[in-house]
Amino acid sequence: MLKLLNTKLLIAILAVLAALASAAIYQRHEAAKAAAILQQQQRDAEQRRQEDEAFRKKVEADKQRHNSAAGNEGKTWKTYIP
């Protein structure tokens, strides 16, 4: 009787240990997934920032080119002879 009780107790302890181990493995897996998602979001944010910076530079270059053409427009009218 005592041997049967000890066996049942051992099985119960092993079941609890297995449940704890599986919970720890699941938690580690979830942490790895969260870290991967965070890294992907950081890469996406950096890429968006670079694209935004390139777009701003392009807009500034276009604005300066347009302004320089407008600045020379007054000179053409002064020298225009019909």
C-alpha atoms as a PDB file:
ATOM      1  CA  MET A   1       0.000   0.000   0.000  1.00  0.00           C
ATOM      2  CA  LEU A   2       2.793   2.382   0.882  1.00  0.00           C
ATOM      3  CA  LYS A   3       4.629   1.495  -2.322  1.00  0.00           C
ATOM      4  CA  LEU A   4       1.508   2.290  -4.384  1.00  0.00           C
ATOM      5  CA  LEU A   5       1.125   5.630  -2.601  1.00  0.00           C
ATOM      6  CA  ASN A   6       4.776   6.467  -3.223  1.00  0.00           C
ATOM      7  CA  THR A   7       4.382   5.592  -6.919  1.00  0.00           C
ATOM      8  CA  LYS A   8       1.311   7.822  -7.280  1.00  0.00           C
ATOM      9  CA  LEU A   9       3.118  10.629  -5.477  1.00  0.00           C
ATOM     10  CA  LEU A  10       6.136  10.226  -7.775  1.00  0.00           C
ATOM     11  CA  ILE A  11       3.882  10.324 -10.845  1.00  0.00           C
ATOM     12  CA  ALA A  12       2.154  13.469  -9.549  1.00  0.00           C
ATOM     13  CA  ILE A  13       5.510  15.153  -8.907  1.00  0.00           C
ATOM     14  CA  LEU A  14       6.732  14.223 -12.374  1.00  0.00           C
ATOM     15  CA  ALA A  15       3.534  15.614 -13.920  1.00  0.00           C
ATOM     16  CA  VAL A  16       3.998  18.918 -12.075  1.00  0.00           C
ATOM     17  CA  LEU A  17       7.633  19.111 -13.174  1.00  0.00           C
ATOM     18  CA  ALA A  18       6.619  18.416 -16.779  1.00  0.00           C
ATOM     19  CA  ALA A  19       3.982  21.154 -16.616  1.00  0.00           C
ATOM     20  CA  LEU A  20       6.526  23.628 -15.205  1.00  0.00           C
ATOM     21  CA  ALA A  21       9.073  22.718 -17.869  1.00  0.00           C
ATOM     22  CA  SER A  22       6.544  23.118 -20.665  1.00  0.00           C
ATOM     23  CA  ALA A  23       5.465  26.492 -19.242  1.00  0.00           C
ATOM     24  CA  ALA A  24       9.098  27.645 -19.143  1.00  0.00           C
ATOM     25  CA  ILE A  25       9.670  26.494 -22.719  1.00  0.00           C
ATOM     26  CA  TYR A  26       6.494  28.257 -23.874  1.00  0.00           C
ATOM     27  CA  GLN A  27       7.523  31.459 -22.094  1.00  0.00           C
ATOM     28  CA  ARG A  28      10.954  31.368 -23.725  1.00  0.00           C
ATOM     29  CA  HIS A  29       9.331  30.807 -27.128  1.00  0.00           C
ATOM     30  CA  GLU A  30       6.969  33.746 -26.632  1.00  0.00           C
ATOM     31  CA  ALA A  31       9.851  35.971 -25.528  1.00  0.00           C
ATOM     32  CA  ALA A  32      11.797  35.047 -28.658  1.00  0.00           C
ATOM     33  CA  LYS A  33       8.769  35.834 -30.827  1.00  0.00           C
ATOM     34  CA  ALA A  34       8.312  39.201 -29.109  1.00  0.00           C
ATOM     35  CA  ALA A  35      11.995  40.023 -29.620  1.00  0.00           C
ATOM     36  CA  ALA A  36      11.764  39.116 -33.310  1.00  0.00           C
ATOM     37  CA  ILE A  37       8.672  41.298 -33.746  1.00  0.00           C
ATOM     38  CA  LEU A  38      10.392  44.199 -31.972  1.00  0.00           C
ATOM     39  CA  GLN A  39      13.459  43.887 -34.206  1.00  0.00           C
ATOM     40  CA  GLN A  40      11.269  43.837 -37.311  1.00  0.00           C
ATOM     41  CA  GLN A  41       9.420  46.945 -36.141  1.00  0.00           C
ATOM     42  CA  GLN A  42      12.721  48.711 -35.482  1.00  0.00           C
ATOM     43  CA  ARG A  43      13.996  47.792 -38.960  1.00  0.00           C
ATOM     44  CA  ASP A  44      10.742  49.038 -40.510  1.00  0.00           C
ATOM     45  CA  ALA A  45      10.922  52.290 -38.563  1.00  0.00           C
ATOM     46  CA  GLU A  46      14.539  52.850 -39.627  1.00  0.00           C
ATOM     47  CA  GLN A  47      13.652  52.154 -43.248  1.00  0.00           C
ATOM     48  CA  ARG A  48      10.701  54.595 -43.084  1.00  0.00           C
ATOM     49  CA  ARG A  49      12.960  57.209 -41.501  1.00  0.00           C
ATOM     50  CA  GLN A  50      15.504  56.810 -44.307  1.00  0.00           C
ATOM     51  CA  GLU A  51      12.793  57.010 -46.958  1.00  0.00           C
ATOM     52  CA  ASP A  52      11.338  60.124 -45.315  1.00  0.00           C
ATOM     53  CA  GLU A  53      14.770  61.739 -45.169  1.00  0.00           C
ATOM     54  CA  ALA A  54      15.408  60.962 -48.840  1.00  0.00           C
ATOM     55  CA  PHE A  55      12.009  62.402 -49.748  1.00  0.00           C
ATOM     56  CA  ARG A  56      12.674  65.575 -47.729  1.00  0.00           C
ATOM     57  CA  LYS A  57      16.028  66.034 -49.457  1.00  0.00           C
ATOM     58  CA  LYS A  58      14.383  65.559 -52.852  1.00  0.00           C
ATOM     59  CA  VAL A  59      11.678  68.082 -52.002  1.00  0.00           C
ATOM     60  CA  GLU A  60      14.277  70.597 -50.802  1.00  0.00           C
ATOM     61  CA  ALA A  61      16.324  70.114 -53.984  1.00  0.00           C
ATOM     62  CA  ASP A  62      13.214  70.554 -56.137  1.00  0.00           C
ATOM     63  CA  LYS A  63      12.241  73.646 -54.155  1.00  0.00           C
ATOM     64  CA  GLN A  64      15.687  75.213 -54.579  1.00  0.00           C
ATOM     65  CA  ARG A  65      15.738  74.416 -58.289  1.00  0.00           C
ATOM     66  CA  HIS A  66      12.300  75.969 -58.711  1.00  0.00           C
ATOM     67  CA  ASN A  67      13.250  79.045 -56.701  1.00  0.00           C
ATOM     68  CA  SER A  68      16.453  79.571 -58.659  1.00  0.00           C
ATOM     69  CA  ALA A  69      14.528  79.509 -61.935  1.00  0.00           C
ATOM     70  CA  ALA A  70      12.056  82.032 -60.545  1.00  0.00           C
ATOM     71  CA  GLY A  71      14.940  84.258 -59.429  1.00  0.00           C
ATOM     72  CA  ASN A  72      16.325  84.418 -62.952  1.00  0.00           C
ATOM     73  CA  GLU A  73      12.946  85.203 -64.485  1.00  0.00           C
ATOM     74  CA  GLY A  74      13.108  88.918 -63.664  1.00  0.00           C
ATOM     75  CA  LYS A  75      16.421  89.249 -65.483  1.00  0.00           C
ATOM     76  CA  THR A  76      14.980  87.898 -68.709  1.00  0.00           C
ATOM     77  CA  TRP A  77      12.287  90.569 -68.806  1.00  0.00           C
ATOM     78  CA  LYS A  78      14.852  93.361 -68.379  1.00  0.00           C
ATOM     79  CA  THR A  79      16.822  92.248 -71.378  1.00  0.00           C
ATOM     80  CA  TYR A  80      13.805  91.356 -73.552  1.00  0.00           C
ATOM     81  CA  ILE A  81      13.650  93.394 -76.743  1.00  0.00           C
ATOM     82  CA  PRO A  82      10.651  92.743 -78.999  1.00  0.00           C
END
